[in-house]
Amino acid sequence: MAVVGRSIDPLARLLRVKPEAFAPNNAWALTGRRLVRNAIARERPDVVVATSPPPSALFATASVAGNTPFVADVRDLWAGNPYYDRGSRVLASLEGRALSGTAAVVTVTEGCRVNLLALHPELKARLRVFPNGFDPTLLGRRLPIASRGDRPATLIHAGALYGDRAPQALLNALARPEMQGRVQLQLLGAVDGKTRTMVKDLPEVDVTISAPIPWDGAIERVLAADVAVVINAPETGGDMALPTKLYEALALGRPVLALARAGSDTARLLEHFGLQAGVADPGDARSIAAAIERLLADPPPPVPPEALAEFDRDRIAARYAALLDEVATRSSNATSSGTTFSRR
């Protein structure tokens, strides 16, 4: 995509979009139609749920759902997301046509909800927010925050690093004189070449890069670390992101270093829990170093389990199931009364 993106970027700029908006997986919007149509005919579902990203599943389903109720689960925005969009109406128009036929639309943060309504105000009555949340078993795996003694503190970022979601400012923070010898950074997950180059260019920073591992192993690594790191770059839609890794770190009781702008969904959530000491500007090395200093000097206590209850994934699943029941019942009632189910 990086190679193709460079060649088509001039055209993309004219359309006021980014090349990533038309990644090859979007072709499934056409090639997937037959598969979705056949699955609906075979399974005769009460409701069809299409998840995005990529948006191809949304487009493919919208074109063939017919009278079957259709729920769009928009977990990351396409239109209005700075990773894909440069302010054009092209993506909003395409997305709006697909969403117009939905019985309900689900998204994951308040920021996503606000942005979706700004582009598609007609969705207001159909739009629900169900956050990513955490596996409730994590609450039982909490461990006390251990004394470090003289050993360096361990920071861990578990997850992919790519594009503008990069650790450059974090690495620069760790390279500052006051951080030397005090912190070891672990990057666990898919790391792009750009990030590897950044690490190589700062040999004075203690960094280890590990390949992705199964979820349970990653959880153990986060639990063993002193601080969990979340990087939400605004250029990749981070202002309206609340990633699963953030909820998991809170459930495990780990201190969180969140590289997120003031006013972002991540900053607001941590401020709500009194954890603003760990929030730092994602592009400001000095701000990041200061946040690390605060977390190491005075680690915040874990958020009480009852305060995290609304992000318990079992409870979120129950709310989602209730929505699907509501959609299915509405459709069934419309059919039994002799009317045609309307997805407008």
C-alpha atoms as a PDB file:
ATOM      1  CA  MET A   1       0.000   0.000   0.000  1.00  0.00           C
ATOM      2  CA  ALA A   2       2.940   2.349   0.704  1.00  0.00           C
ATOM      3  CA  VAL A   3       4.265   1.899  -2.845  1.00  0.00           C
ATOM      4  CA  VAL A   4       0.844   2.224  -4.477  1.00  0.00           C
ATOM      5  CA  GLY A   5      -0.003   5.153  -2.231  1.00  0.00           C
ATOM      6  CA  ARG A   6       2.930   7.223  -3.459  1.00  0.00           C
ATOM      7  CA  SER A   7       1.877   6.760  -7.066  1.00  0.00           C
ATOM      8  CA  ILE A   8      -1.804   7.607  -6.596  1.00  0.00           C
ATOM      9  CA  ASP A   9      -1.397  10.337  -3.977  1.00  0.00           C
ATOM     10  CA  PRO A  10      -1.591  13.214  -6.501  1.00  0.00           C
ATOM     11  CA  LEU A  11      -5.030  11.975  -7.628  1.00  0.00           C
ATOM     12  CA  ALA A  12      -6.062  11.290  -4.036  1.00  0.00           C
ATOM     13  CA  ARG A  13      -5.193  14.876  -3.105  1.00  0.00           C
ATOM     14  CA  LEU A  14      -7.434  16.174  -5.870  1.00  0.00           C
ATOM     15  CA  LEU A  15     -10.263  14.108  -4.392  1.00  0.00           C
ATOM     16  CA  ARG A  16      -9.261  15.295  -0.885  1.00  0.00           C
ATOM     17  CA  VAL A  17      -8.794  11.747   0.381  1.00  0.00           C
ATOM     18  CA  LYS A  18      -5.760   9.671   1.315  1.00  0.00           C
ATOM     19  CA  PRO A  19      -4.589   6.656  -0.730  1.00  0.00           C
ATOM     20  CA  GLU A  20      -5.256   4.355   2.255  1.00  0.00           C
ATOM     21  CA  ALA A  21      -8.977   4.992   1.764  1.00  0.00           C
ATOM     22  CA  PHE A  22      -8.811   2.870  -1.388  1.00  0.00           C
ATOM     23  CA  ALA A  23      -6.666   0.001  -0.116  1.00  0.00           C
ATOM     24  CA  PRO A  24      -6.969  -3.254  -2.127  1.00  0.00           C
ATOM     25  CA  ASN A  25      -9.201  -4.875   0.503  1.00  0.00           C
ATOM     26  CA  ASN A  26     -11.951  -2.478  -0.582  1.00  0.00           C
ATOM     27  CA  ALA A  27     -12.371  -4.608  -3.706  1.00  0.00           C
ATOM     28  CA  TRP A  28     -14.315  -7.018  -1.498  1.00  0.00           C
ATOM     29  CA  ALA A  29     -17.159  -4.494  -1.637  1.00  0.00           C
ATOM     30  CA  LEU A  30     -17.772  -6.007  -5.084  1.00  0.00           C
ATOM     31  CA  THR A  31     -16.300  -9.507  -4.879  1.00  0.00           C
ATOM     32  CA  GLY A  32     -17.898 -10.177  -1.495  1.00  0.00           C
ATOM     33  CA  ARG A  33     -21.445  -9.524  -2.604  1.00  0.00           C
ATOM     34  CA  ARG A  34     -22.038 -13.038  -3.877  1.00  0.00           C
ATOM     35  CA  LEU A  35     -20.668 -14.548  -0.663  1.00  0.00           C
ATOM     36  CA  VAL A  36     -22.887 -12.380   1.542  1.00  0.00           C
ATOM     37  CA  ARG A  37     -25.940 -12.972  -0.653  1.00  0.00           C
ATOM     38  CA  ASN A  38     -25.384 -16.736  -0.572  1.00  0.00           C
ATOM     39  CA  ALA A  39     -24.858 -16.745   3.195  1.00  0.00           C
ATOM     40  CA  ILE A  40     -28.115 -14.844   3.748  1.00  0.00           C
ATOM     41  CA  ALA A  41     -29.995 -17.280   1.495  1.00  0.00           C
ATOM     42  CA  ARG A  42     -28.438 -20.287   3.234  1.00  0.00           C
ATOM     43  CA  GLU A  43     -28.693 -19.165   6.876  1.00  0.00           C
ATOM     44  CA  ARG A  44     -31.869 -17.071   6.655  1.00  0.00           C
ATOM     45  CA  PRO A  45     -30.690 -14.868   9.546  1.00  0.00           C
ATOM     46  CA  ASP A  46     -32.926 -12.603  11.586  1.00  0.00           C
ATOM     47  CA  VAL A  47     -30.265  -9.862  11.435  1.00  0.00           C
ATOM     48  CA  VAL A  48     -27.062  -9.317   9.444  1.00  0.00           C
ATOM     49  CA  VAL A  49     -24.174  -7.497  11.158  1.00  0.00           C
ATOM     50  CA  ALA A  50     -21.404  -6.014   9.016  1.00  0.00           C
ATOM     51  CA  THR A  51     -18.260  -4.766  10.749  1.00  0.00           C
ATOM     52  CA  SER A  52     -15.907  -2.040   9.566  1.00  0.00           C
ATOM     53  CA  PRO A  53     -12.960  -1.553   9.001  1.00  0.00           C
ATOM     54  CA  PRO A  54     -12.397  -2.324   6.288  1.00  0.00           C
ATOM     55  CA  PRO A  55     -15.559  -0.702   4.926  1.00  0.00           C
ATOM     56  CA  SER A  56     -15.837  -3.301   2.149  1.00  0.00           C
ATOM     57  CA  ALA A  57     -18.015  -5.564   4.341  1.00  0.00           C
ATOM     58  CA  LEU A  58     -20.362  -2.645   4.962  1.00  0.00           C
ATOM     59  CA  PHE A  59     -20.673  -1.854   1.248  1.00  0.00           C
ATOM     60  CA  ALA A  60     -21.051  -5.498   0.201  1.00  0.00           C
ATOM     61  CA  THR A  61     -23.770  -6.149   2.776  1.00  0.00           C
ATOM     62  CA  ALA A  62     -25.673  -2.941   2.055  1.00  0.00           C
ATOM     63  CA  SER A  63     -25.969  -3.905  -1.595  1.00  0.00           C
ATOM     64  CA  VAL A  64     -27.446  -7.398  -1.048  1.00  0.00           C
ATOM     65  CA  ALA A  65     -29.204  -7.400   2.374  1.00  0.00           C
ATOM     66  CA  GLY A  66     -32.604  -6.852   0.779  1.00  0.00           C
ATOM     67  CA  ASN A  67     -35.341  -7.113   3.407  1.00  0.00           C
ATOM     68  CA  THR A  68     -33.054  -8.692   6.011  1.00  0.00           C
ATOM     69  CA  PRO A  69     -32.389  -6.183   8.821  1.00  0.00           C
ATOM     70  CA  PHE A  70     -28.852  -4.891   8.596  1.00  0.00           C
ATOM     71  CA  VAL A  71     -26.726  -3.528  11.486  1.00  0.00           C
ATOM     72  CA  ALA A  72     -23.515  -1.653  10.670  1.00  0.00           C
ATOM     73  CA  ASP A  73     -20.796  -2.009  13.307  1.00  0.00           C
ATOM     74  CA  VAL A  74     -18.370   0.878  12.680  1.00  0.00           C
ATOM     75  CA  ARG A  75     -15.397   0.227  14.958  1.00  0.00           C
ATOM     76  CA  ASP A  76     -13.085   2.740  13.276  1.00  0.00           C
ATOM     77  CA  LEU A  77     -14.348   5.550  11.086  1.00  0.00           C
ATOM     78  CA  TRP A  78     -13.680   5.662   7.341  1.00  0.00           C
ATOM     79  CA  ALA A  79     -15.215   8.955   6.254  1.00  0.00           C
ATOM     80  CA  GLY A  80     -14.078  11.716   8.576  1.00  0.00           C
ATOM     81  CA  ASN A  81     -11.070   9.735   9.784  1.00  0.00           C
ATOM     82  CA  PRO A  82      -7.835  11.698   9.112  1.00  0.00           C
ATOM     83  CA  TYR A  83      -6.062   8.428   8.315  1.00  0.00           C
ATOM     84  CA  TYR A  84      -8.279   8.128   5.218  1.00  0.00           C
ATOM     85  CA  ASP A  85      -9.965  11.458   4.661  1.00  0.00           C
ATOM     86  CA  ARG A  86      -8.688  14.942   3.802  1.00  0.00           C
ATOM     87  CA  GLY A  87     -12.065  16.612   4.141  1.00  0.00           C
ATOM     88  CA  SER A  88     -13.745  15.412   0.952  1.00  0.00           C
ATOM     89  CA  ARG A  89     -17.433  14.629   0.630  1.00  0.00           C
ATOM     90  CA  VAL A  90     -16.552  11.598  -1.517  1.00  0.00           C
ATOM     91  CA  LEU A  91     -16.115   9.160   1.359  1.00  0.00           C
ATOM     92  CA  ALA A  92     -19.044  10.606   3.305  1.00  0.00           C
ATOM     93  CA  SER A  93     -21.313  10.225   0.280  1.00  0.00           C
ATOM     94  CA  LEU A  94     -20.293   6.608  -0.342  1.00  0.00           C
ATOM     95  CA  GLU A  95     -20.596   5.747   3.334  1.00  0.00           C
ATOM     96  CA  GLY A  96     -23.907   7.546   3.686  1.00  0.00           C
ATOM     97  CA  ARG A  97     -25.493   5.471   0.934  1.00  0.00           C
ATOM     98  CA  ALA A  98     -24.494   2.249   2.693  1.00  0.00           C
ATOM     99  CA  LEU A  99     -25.622   3.431   6.130  1.00  0.00           C
ATOM    100  CA  SER A 100     -28.947   4.717   4.850  1.00  0.00           C
ATOM    101  CA  GLY A 101     -30.290   1.161   4.706  1.00  0.00           C
ATOM    102  CA  THR A 102     -29.346   0.161   8.244  1.00  0.00           C
ATOM    103  CA  ALA A 103     -31.702  -0.795  11.029  1.00  0.00           C
ATOM    104  CA  ALA A 104     -29.052   0.358  13.525  1.00  0.00           C
ATOM    105  CA  VAL A 105     -25.477   1.632  13.570  1.00  0.00           C
ATOM    106  CA  VAL A 106     -23.025   0.746  16.354  1.00  0.00           C
ATOM    107  CA  THR A 107     -19.796   2.575  17.120  1.00  0.00           C
ATOM    108  CA  VAL A 108     -17.301   2.462  19.982  1.00  0.00           C
ATOM    109  CA  THR A 109     -16.569   5.949  21.360  1.00  0.00           C
ATOM    110  CA  GLU A 110     -18.284   9.256  21.928  1.00  0.00           C
ATOM    111  CA  GLY A 111     -15.823  10.861  19.507  1.00  0.00           C
ATOM    112  CA  CYS A 112     -16.827   8.397  16.787  1.00  0.00           C
ATOM    113  CA  ARG A 113     -20.504   9.073  17.525  1.00  0.00           C
ATOM    114  CA  VAL A 114     -20.034  12.844  17.210  1.00  0.00           C
ATOM    115  CA  ASN A 115     -18.106  12.500  13.956  1.00  0.00           C
ATOM    116  CA  LEU A 116     -20.626  10.089  12.450  1.00  0.00           C
ATOM    117  CA  LEU A 117     -23.507  12.423  13.276  1.00  0.00           C
ATOM    118  CA  ALA A 118     -21.645  15.395  11.820  1.00  0.00           C
ATOM    119  CA  LEU A 119     -21.484  13.526   8.508  1.00  0.00           C
ATOM    120  CA  HIS A 120     -24.788  11.638   8.753  1.00  0.00           C
ATOM    121  CA  PRO A 121     -27.188  13.464  11.102  1.00  0.00           C
ATOM    122  CA  GLU A 122     -30.051  11.272   9.907  1.00  0.00           C
ATOM    123  CA  LEU A 123     -28.532   8.376  11.917  1.00  0.00           C
ATOM    124  CA  LYS A 124     -29.215   9.961  15.320  1.00  0.00           C
ATOM    125  CA  ALA A 125     -32.130   7.710  16.300  1.00  0.00           C
ATOM    126  CA  ARG A 126     -30.337   4.578  15.105  1.00  0.00           C
ATOM    127  CA  LEU A 127     -26.844   5.170  16.486  1.00  0.00           C
ATOM    128  CA  ARG A 128     -25.587   3.359  19.593  1.00  0.00           C
ATOM    129  CA  VAL A 129     -22.218   3.441  21.392  1.00  0.00           C
ATOM    130  CA  PHE A 130     -20.900   0.115  22.689  1.00  0.00           C
ATOM    131  CA  PRO A 131     -17.275   0.512  23.830  1.00  0.00           C
ATOM    132  CA  ASN A 132     -14.568  -2.066  23.196  1.00  0.00           C
ATOM    133  CA  GLY A 133     -14.246  -2.922  26.885  1.00  0.00           C
ATOM    134  CA  PHE A 134     -12.266  -5.699  28.558  1.00  0.00           C
ATOM    135  CA  ASP A 135     -12.581  -9.376  29.455  1.00  0.00           C
ATOM    136  CA  PRO A 136     -13.915  -9.299  33.057  1.00  0.00           C
ATOM    137  CA  THR A 137     -11.587 -12.142  34.071  1.00  0.00           C
ATOM    138  CA  LEU A 138      -8.726  -9.610  33.938  1.00  0.00           C
ATOM    139  CA  LEU A 139      -9.942  -8.027  37.173  1.00  0.00           C
ATOM    140  CA  GLY A 140      -9.055 -11.256  38.980  1.00  0.00           C
ATOM    141  CA  ARG A 141      -5.517 -11.208  37.592  1.00  0.00           C
ATOM    142  CA  ARG A 142      -4.496  -7.924  39.201  1.00  0.00           C
ATOM    143  CA  LEU A 143      -1.217  -7.886  41.095  1.00  0.00           C
ATOM    144  CA  PRO A 144       0.105  -5.280  43.535  1.00  0.00           C
ATOM    145  CA  ILE A 145       2.432  -2.704  41.992  1.00  0.00           C
ATOM    146  CA  ALA A 146       5.839  -4.072  42.956  1.00  0.00           C
ATOM    147  CA  SER A 147       8.686  -1.986  44.285  1.00  0.00           C
ATOM    148  CA  ARG A 148      11.322  -1.549  41.585  1.00  0.00           C
ATOM    149  CA  GLY A 149      14.288  -0.905  43.801  1.00  0.00           C
ATOM    150  CA  ASP A 150      17.221   0.061  41.580  1.00  0.00           C
ATOM    151  CA  ARG A 151      16.047  -1.707  38.454  1.00  0.00           C
ATOM    152  CA  PRO A 152      14.902   0.299  35.398  1.00  0.00           C
ATOM    153  CA  ALA A 153      11.167   0.721  34.987  1.00  0.00           C
ATOM    154  CA  THR A 154       9.566  -1.330  32.219  1.00  0.00           C
ATOM    155  CA  LEU A 155       7.237   0.394  29.777  1.00  0.00           C
ATOM    156  CA  ILE A 156       5.335  -1.798  27.341  1.00  0.00           C
ATOM    157  CA  HIS A 157       3.388  -0.996  24.193  1.00  0.00           C
ATOM    158  CA  ALA A 158       1.375  -4.016  23.097  1.00  0.00           C
ATOM    159  CA  GLY A 159      -0.035  -3.606  19.593  1.00  0.00           C
ATOM    160  CA  ALA A 160       0.772  -2.535  16.061  1.00  0.00           C
ATOM    161  CA  LEU A 161       2.876   0.505  15.185  1.00  0.00           C
ATOM    162  CA  TYR A 162       2.493   1.868  11.662  1.00  0.00           C
ATOM    163  CA  GLY A 163       2.197   5.107   9.726  1.00  0.00           C
ATOM    164  CA  ASP A 164       1.704   8.042  12.071  1.00  0.00           C
ATOM    165  CA  ARG A 165       1.074   5.730  15.009  1.00  0.00           C
ATOM    166  CA  ALA A 166       4.778   5.720  15.743  1.00  0.00           C
ATOM    167  CA  PRO A 167       6.884   6.032  18.923  1.00  0.00           C
ATOM    168  CA  GLN A 168       9.252   8.783  17.743  1.00  0.00           C
ATOM    169  CA  ALA A 169       8.337  11.287  20.453  1.00  0.00           C
ATOM    170  CA  LEU A 170       8.360   8.531  23.092  1.00  0.00           C
ATOM    171  CA  LEU A 171      11.845   7.432  22.002  1.00  0.00           C
ATOM    172  CA  ASN A 172      13.006  11.043  22.065  1.00  0.00           C
ATOM    173  CA  ALA A 173      11.632  11.356  25.590  1.00  0.00           C
ATOM    174  CA  LEU A 174      13.557   8.276  26.724  1.00  0.00           C
ATOM    175  CA  ALA A 175      16.706   9.667  25.125  1.00  0.00           C
ATOM    176  CA  ARG A 176      16.578  12.764  27.333  1.00  0.00           C
ATOM    177  CA  PRO A 177      19.375  12.930  29.956  1.00  0.00           C
ATOM    178  CA  GLU A 178      17.013  12.594  32.923  1.00  0.00           C
ATOM    179  CA  MET A 179      15.633   9.312  31.523  1.00  0.00           C
ATOM    180  CA  GLN A 180      18.961   7.646  30.781  1.00  0.00           C
ATOM    181  CA  GLY A 181      19.289   4.244  32.457  1.00  0.00           C
ATOM    182  CA  ARG A 182      15.942   4.513  34.193  1.00  0.00           C
ATOM    183  CA  VAL A 183      13.506   3.059  31.669  1.00  0.00           C
ATOM    184  CA  GLN A 184      13.389   0.020  29.391  1.00  0.00           C
ATOM    185  CA  LEU A 185      10.802   0.062  26.582  1.00  0.00           C
ATOM    186  CA  GLN A 186       9.200  -3.092  25.190  1.00  0.00           C
ATOM    187  CA  LEU A 187       7.442  -2.959  21.821  1.00  0.00           C
ATOM    188  CA  LEU A 188       5.278  -6.061  21.548  1.00  0.00           C
ATOM    189  CA  GLY A 189       3.475  -6.654  18.254  1.00  0.00           C
ATOM    190  CA  ALA A 190       3.686  -5.767  14.581  1.00  0.00           C
ATOM    191  CA  VAL A 191       6.260  -2.993  14.147  1.00  0.00           C
ATOM    192  CA  ASP A 192       6.848  -1.371  10.763  1.00  0.00           C
ATOM    193  CA  GLY A 193      10.200  -0.552   9.181  1.00  0.00           C
ATOM    194  CA  LYS A 194       9.843   3.137  10.008  1.00  0.00           C
ATOM    195  CA  THR A 195       9.682   2.359  13.728  1.00  0.00           C
ATOM    196  CA  ARG A 196      12.627  -0.041  13.511  1.00  0.00           C
ATOM    197  CA  THR A 197      14.678   2.715  11.915  1.00  0.00           C
ATOM    198  CA  MET A 198      13.724   5.098  14.716  1.00  0.00           C
ATOM    199  CA  VAL A 199      14.953   2.575  17.285  1.00  0.00           C
ATOM    200  CA  LYS A 200      18.210   2.004  15.421  1.00  0.00           C
ATOM    201  CA  ASP A 201      18.838   5.758  15.258  1.00  0.00           C
ATOM    202  CA  LEU A 202      18.628   6.066  19.064  1.00  0.00           C
ATOM    203  CA  PRO A 203      21.007   3.374  20.375  1.00  0.00           C
ATOM    204  CA  GLU A 204      21.154   5.069  23.775  1.00  0.00           C
ATOM    205  CA  VAL A 205      17.511   4.102  24.410  1.00  0.00           C
ATOM    206  CA  ASP A 206      16.925   0.610  25.839  1.00  0.00           C
ATOM    207  CA  VAL A 207      14.313  -0.922  23.516  1.00  0.00           C
ATOM    208  CA  THR A 208      13.321  -4.504  22.785  1.00  0.00           C
ATOM    209  CA  ILE A 209      11.049  -5.426  19.877  1.00  0.00           C
ATOM    210  CA  SER A 210       9.080  -8.675  20.108  1.00  0.00           C
ATOM    211  CA  ALA A 211       6.875 -10.326  17.484  1.00  0.00           C
ATOM    212  CA  PRO A 212       3.134 -10.673  18.145  1.00  0.00           C
ATOM    213  CA  ILE A 213       2.181 -13.420  20.607  1.00  0.00           C
ATOM    214  CA  PRO A 214      -1.183 -14.905  21.659  1.00  0.00           C
ATOM    215  CA  TRP A 215      -3.481 -12.684  23.695  1.00  0.00           C
ATOM    216  CA  ASP A 216      -2.945 -14.413  27.043  1.00  0.00           C
ATOM    217  CA  GLY A 217       0.820 -14.100  26.730  1.00  0.00           C
ATOM    218  CA  ALA A 218       0.498 -10.416  25.872  1.00  0.00           C
ATOM    219  CA  ILE A 219      -1.672  -9.881  28.939  1.00  0.00           C
ATOM    220  CA  GLU A 220       1.006 -11.498  31.116  1.00  0.00           C
ATOM    221  CA  ARG A 221       3.624  -9.192  29.614  1.00  0.00           C
ATOM    222  CA  VAL A 222       1.491  -6.117  30.350  1.00  0.00           C
ATOM    223  CA  LEU A 223       0.842  -7.345  33.887  1.00  0.00           C
ATOM    224  CA  ALA A 224       4.585  -7.765  34.474  1.00  0.00           C
ATOM    225  CA  ALA A 225       5.388  -4.246  33.252  1.00  0.00           C
ATOM    226  CA  ASP A 226       5.486  -1.125  35.387  1.00  0.00           C
ATOM    227  CA  VAL A 227       3.627   1.065  32.896  1.00  0.00           C
ATOM    228  CA  ALA A 228       1.378   0.249  29.909  1.00  0.00           C
ATOM    229  CA  VAL A 229       1.738   2.597  26.936  1.00  0.00           C
ATOM    230  CA  VAL A 230      -1.056   3.700  24.612  1.00  0.00           C
ATOM    231  CA  ILE A 231      -0.217   5.762  21.506  1.00  0.00           C
ATOM    232  CA  ASN A 232      -3.150   7.596  19.919  1.00  0.00           C
ATOM    233  CA  ALA A 233      -1.824   9.795  17.138  1.00  0.00           C
ATOM    234  CA  PRO A 234      -4.389  12.315  15.838  1.00  0.00           C
ATOM    235  CA  GLU A 235      -3.275  11.599  12.256  1.00  0.00           C
ATOM    236  CA  THR A 236      -4.610   8.040  12.566  1.00  0.00           C
ATOM    237  CA  GLY A 237      -7.897   9.036  14.173  1.00  0.00           C
ATOM    238  CA  GLY A 238      -6.494   8.727  17.691  1.00  0.00           C
ATOM    239  CA  ASP A 239      -8.507  11.628  19.079  1.00  0.00           C
ATOM    240  CA  MET A 240     -11.648   9.485  18.913  1.00  0.00           C
ATOM    241  CA  ALA A 241      -9.999   6.165  19.812  1.00  0.00           C
ATOM    242  CA  LEU A 242     -10.321   4.119  22.989  1.00  0.00           C
ATOM    243  CA  PRO A 243      -8.381   0.961  22.137  1.00  0.00           C
ATOM    244  CA  THR A 244      -8.941  -2.365  23.846  1.00  0.00           C
ATOM    245  CA  LYS A 245      -5.391  -2.273  25.223  1.00  0.00           C
ATOM    246  CA  LEU A 246      -6.335   0.802  27.284  1.00  0.00           C
ATOM    247  CA  TYR A 247      -9.331  -0.898  28.887  1.00  0.00           C
ATOM    248  CA  GLU A 248      -7.250  -4.023  29.510  1.00  0.00           C
ATOM    249  CA  ALA A 249      -4.489  -2.045  31.245  1.00  0.00           C
ATOM    250  CA  LEU A 250      -7.084  -0.360  33.475  1.00  0.00           C
ATOM    251  CA  ALA A 251      -8.674  -3.723  34.301  1.00  0.00           C
ATOM    252  CA  LEU A 252      -5.251  -5.146  35.194  1.00  0.00           C
ATOM    253  CA  GLY A 253      -4.571  -2.153  37.432  1.00  0.00           C
ATOM    254  CA  ARG A 254      -1.465  -1.068  35.534  1.00  0.00           C
ATOM    255  CA  PRO A 255      -0.436   2.607  35.415  1.00  0.00           C
ATOM    256  CA  VAL A 256      -1.054   3.998  31.913  1.00  0.00           C
ATOM    257  CA  LEU A 257       1.109   6.348  29.875  1.00  0.00           C
ATOM    258  CA  ALA A 258      -1.284   7.684  27.239  1.00  0.00           C
ATOM    259  CA  LEU A 259       0.147   9.665  24.350  1.00  0.00           C
ATOM    260  CA  ALA A 260      -3.038  11.497  23.450  1.00  0.00           C
ATOM    261  CA  ARG A 261      -4.075  15.088  22.866  1.00  0.00           C
ATOM    262  CA  ALA A 262      -5.987  17.066  25.448  1.00  0.00           C
ATOM    263  CA  GLY A 263      -9.710  16.712  24.793  1.00  0.00           C
ATOM    264  CA  SER A 264      -9.359  13.354  23.047  1.00  0.00           C
ATOM    265  CA  ASP A 265     -11.540  10.437  24.116  1.00  0.00           C
ATOM    266  CA  THR A 266      -8.526   8.789  25.765  1.00  0.00           C
ATOM    267  CA  ALA A 267      -7.595  11.905  27.737  1.00  0.00           C
ATOM    268  CA  ARG A 268     -11.194  12.409  28.865  1.00  0.00           C
ATOM    269  CA  LEU A 269     -11.520   8.798  30.046  1.00  0.00           C
ATOM    270  CA  LEU A 270      -8.312   8.905  32.081  1.00  0.00           C
ATOM    271  CA  GLU A 271      -9.244  12.286  33.544  1.00  0.00           C
ATOM    272  CA  HIS A 272     -12.607  10.802  34.535  1.00  0.00           C
ATOM    273  CA  PHE A 273     -10.739   8.195  36.591  1.00  0.00           C
ATOM    274  CA  GLY A 274      -8.287  10.735  38.033  1.00  0.00           C
ATOM    275  CA  LEU A 275      -5.416   9.332  35.969  1.00  0.00           C
ATOM    276  CA  GLN A 276      -4.518  12.488  34.046  1.00  0.00           C
ATOM    277  CA  ALA A 277      -0.934  12.339  35.382  1.00  0.00           C
ATOM    278  CA  GLY A 278      -0.184   9.739  32.720  1.00  0.00           C
ATOM    279  CA  VAL A 279      -1.526  11.755  29.767  1.00  0.00           C
ATOM    280  CA  ALA A 280       1.035  13.472  27.513  1.00  0.00           C
ATOM    281  CA  ASP A 281       0.993  15.217  24.147  1.00  0.00           C
ATOM    282  CA  PRO A 282       1.834  12.538  21.538  1.00  0.00           C
ATOM    283  CA  GLY A 283       4.278  14.831  19.744  1.00  0.00           C
ATOM    284  CA  ASP A 284       6.022  16.455  22.726  1.00  0.00           C
ATOM    285  CA  ALA A 285       9.023  14.545  24.133  1.00  0.00           C
ATOM    286  CA  ARG A 286       9.323  16.853  27.131  1.00  0.00           C
ATOM    287  CA  SER A 287       5.649  16.349  28.036  1.00  0.00           C
ATOM    288  CA  ILE A 288       6.069  12.580  27.707  1.00  0.00           C
ATOM    289  CA  ALA A 289       9.190  12.526  29.891  1.00  0.00           C
ATOM    290  CA  ALA A 290       7.363  14.548  32.546  1.00  0.00           C
ATOM    291  CA  ALA A 291       4.409  12.110  32.499  1.00  0.00           C
ATOM    292  CA  ILE A 292       6.798   9.156  32.917  1.00  0.00           C
ATOM    293  CA  GLU A 293       8.453  10.935  35.860  1.00  0.00           C
ATOM    294  CA  ARG A 294       5.039  11.410  37.512  1.00  0.00           C
ATOM    295  CA  LEU A 295       4.031   7.766  37.036  1.00  0.00           C
ATOM    296  CA  LEU A 296       7.333   6.434  38.393  1.00  0.00           C
ATOM    297  CA  ALA A 297       7.436   8.795  41.364  1.00  0.00           C
ATOM    298  CA  ASP A 298       3.833   8.213  42.436  1.00  0.00           C
ATOM    299  CA  PRO A 299       2.119   5.247  40.676  1.00  0.00           C
ATOM    300  CA  PRO A 300      -1.658   5.805  40.770  1.00  0.00           C
ATOM    301  CA  PRO A 301      -3.813   3.197  42.537  1.00  0.00           C
ATOM    302  CA  PRO A 302      -5.864   0.854  40.338  1.00  0.00           C
ATOM    303  CA  VAL A 303      -9.322   1.989  39.308  1.00  0.00           C
ATOM    304  CA  PRO A 304     -11.898   0.198  41.513  1.00  0.00           C
ATOM    305  CA  PRO A 305     -13.618  -2.657  39.639  1.00  0.00           C
ATOM    306  CA  GLU A 306     -17.063  -1.169  40.206  1.00  0.00           C
ATOM    307  CA  ALA A 307     -15.964   2.038  38.448  1.00  0.00           C
ATOM    308  CA  LEU A 308     -15.053  -0.018  35.383  1.00  0.00           C
ATOM    309  CA  ALA A 309     -18.351  -1.943  35.308  1.00  0.00           C
ATOM    310  CA  GLU A 310     -19.728  -0.224  32.187  1.00  0.00           C
ATOM    311  CA  PHE A 311     -16.687  -1.459  30.239  1.00  0.00           C
ATOM    312  CA  ASP A 312     -17.123  -5.102  31.289  1.00  0.00           C
ATOM    313  CA  ARG A 313     -17.337  -6.926  27.962  1.00  0.00           C
ATOM    314  CA  ASP A 314     -19.994  -9.348  29.233  1.00  0.00           C
ATOM    315  CA  ARG A 315     -22.271  -6.405  30.029  1.00  0.00           C
ATOM    316  CA  ILE A 316     -21.521  -4.799  26.675  1.00  0.00           C
ATOM    317  CA  ALA A 317     -22.335  -8.083  24.931  1.00  0.00           C
ATOM    318  CA  ALA A 318     -25.669  -8.228  26.757  1.00  0.00           C
ATOM    319  CA  ARG A 319     -26.510  -4.705  25.554  1.00  0.00           C
ATOM    320  CA  TYR A 320     -25.520  -5.665  22.013  1.00  0.00           C
ATOM    321  CA  ALA A 321     -27.680  -8.791  22.167  1.00  0.00           C
ATOM    322  CA  ALA A 322     -30.626  -6.698  23.345  1.00  0.00           C
ATOM    323  CA  LEU A 323     -30.172  -4.382  20.370  1.00  0.00           C
ATOM    324  CA  LEU A 324     -30.129  -7.317  17.930  1.00  0.00           C
ATOM    325  CA  ASP A 325     -33.259  -8.739  19.571  1.00  0.00           C
ATOM    326  CA  GLU A 326     -34.921  -5.349  19.219  1.00  0.00           C
ATOM    327  CA  VAL A 327     -34.026  -5.131  15.531  1.00  0.00           C
ATOM    328  CA  ALA A 328     -35.163  -8.707  14.848  1.00  0.00           C
ATOM    329  CA  THR A 329     -38.452  -8.214  16.736  1.00  0.00           C
ATOM    330  CA  ARG A 330     -39.166  -4.970  14.926  1.00  0.00           C
ATOM    331  CA  SER A 331     -38.636  -6.705  11.587  1.00  0.00           C
ATOM    332  CA  SER A 332     -40.765  -9.698  12.583  1.00  0.00           C
ATOM    333  CA  ASN A 333     -43.620  -7.464  13.708  1.00  0.00           C
ATOM    334  CA  ALA A 334     -43.462  -5.480  10.500  1.00  0.00           C
ATOM    335  CA  THR A 335     -43.599  -8.687   8.433  1.00  0.00           C
ATOM    336  CA  SER A 336     -46.443 -10.254  10.414  1.00  0.00           C
ATOM    337  CA  SER A 337     -48.517  -7.104  10.079  1.00  0.00           C
ATOM    338  CA  GLY A 338     -48.246  -7.309   6.318  1.00  0.00           C
ATOM    339  CA  THR A 339     -45.907  -4.358   5.942  1.00  0.00           C
ATOM    340  CA  THR A 340     -42.487  -4.358   4.344  1.00  0.00           C
ATOM    341  CA  PHE A 341     -39.576  -3.805   6.709  1.00  0.00           C
ATOM    342  CA  SER A 342     -38.041  -0.450   5.961  1.00  0.00           C
ATOM    343  CA  ARG A 343     -34.301  -0.011   6.484  1.00  0.00           C
ATOM    344  CA  ARG A 344     -34.486   3.756   6.180  1.00  0.00           C
END
